[in-house]
């Protein structure tokens, strides 16, 4: 009886761990392939704020975004 409960709990913990790391790996791949923000979005955002961005500023922003991904 106790052994059956332990087997279920161990199976559940292992399943949760595999599911978590699998989902994490999938999301990392997905975000690398389809980034949530790109150069055009950054340029549009800066223009909405009233700034005319140059390539250096856009590159700096992209590097900052990649650092946190």
Protein backbone atom coordinates (compact mmCIF):
# COMPACT_ATOMS: atom_id res chain seq x y z
CA UNK A 1 0.00 0.00 0.00
CA UNK A 2 2.68 2.48 1.04
CA UNK A 3 4.93 1.33 -1.77
CA UNK A 4 2.16 2.00 -4.33
CA UNK A 5 1.68 5.55 -3.05
CA UNK A 6 5.42 6.18 -3.20
CA UNK A 7 5.59 4.88 -6.77
CA UNK A 8 2.77 7.20 -7.83
CA UNK A 9 4.43 10.19 -6.14
CA UNK A 10 7.85 9.44 -7.66
CA UNK A 11 6.24 8.99 -11.08
CA UNK A 12 4.40 12.28 -10.71
CA UNK A 13 7.54 14.16 -9.67
CA UNK A 14 9.55 12.69 -12.56
CA UNK A 15 6.75 13.50 -15.01
CA UNK A 16 6.55 17.09 -13.78
CA UNK A 17 10.32 17.54 -14.08
CA UNK A 18 10.41 16.12 -17.62
CA UNK A 19 7.41 18.23 -18.63
CA UNK A 20 8.93 21.40 -17.20
CA UNK A 21 12.30 20.99 -18.91
CA UNK A 22 10.67 19.89 -22.17
CA UNK A 23 8.39 22.93 -22.22
CA UNK A 24 11.31 25.20 -21.32
CA UNK A 25 13.42 23.83 -24.17
CA UNK A 26 10.50 24.19 -26.61
CA UNK A 27 9.85 27.81 -25.60
CA UNK A 28 13.53 28.74 -25.90
CA UNK A 29 13.62 27.31 -29.42
CA UNK A 30 10.34 29.03 -30.34
CA UNK A 31 11.46 32.43 -29.06
CA UNK A 32 14.80 32.14 -30.83
CA UNK A 33 13.03 31.32 -34.11
CA UNK A 34 10.22 33.88 -33.64
CA UNK A 35 11.56 36.74 -31.53
CA UNK A 36 8.89 38.82 -29.82
CA UNK A 37 10.42 42.07 -31.08
CA UNK A 38 12.43 42.86 -34.19
CA UNK A 39 14.28 45.80 -35.76
CA UNK A 40 11.18 47.27 -37.41
CA UNK A 41 9.27 47.23 -34.12
CA UNK A 42 12.13 48.98 -32.31
CA UNK A 43 12.34 51.59 -35.04
CA UNK A 44 8.57 52.21 -34.93
CA UNK A 45 8.65 52.46 -31.13
CA UNK A 46 11.43 55.03 -31.14
CA UNK A 47 9.70 57.06 -33.85
CA UNK A 48 6.49 57.06 -31.77
CA UNK A 49 8.49 58.48 -28.88
CA UNK A 50 9.61 61.32 -31.13
CA UNK A 51 13.15 60.11 -31.82
CA UNK A 52 14.69 59.42 -35.20
CA UNK A 53 16.74 56.26 -34.54
CA UNK A 54 19.95 55.55 -36.38
CA UNK A 55 21.39 52.08 -37.02
CA UNK A 56 23.73 52.27 -34.02
CA UNK A 57 20.83 52.86 -31.62
CA UNK A 58 18.79 50.07 -33.17
CA UNK A 59 21.76 47.69 -32.92
CA UNK A 60 22.26 48.62 -29.25
CA UNK A 61 18.60 47.90 -28.51
CA UNK A 62 18.74 44.54 -30.34
CA UNK A 63 21.84 43.52 -28.36
CA UNK A 64 20.08 44.41 -25.11
CA UNK A 65 17.06 42.31 -26.14
CA UNK A 66 19.25 39.32 -27.10
CA UNK A 67 21.11 39.52 -23.80
CA UNK A 68 17.88 38.89 -21.86
CA UNK A 69 16.65 36.04 -24.07
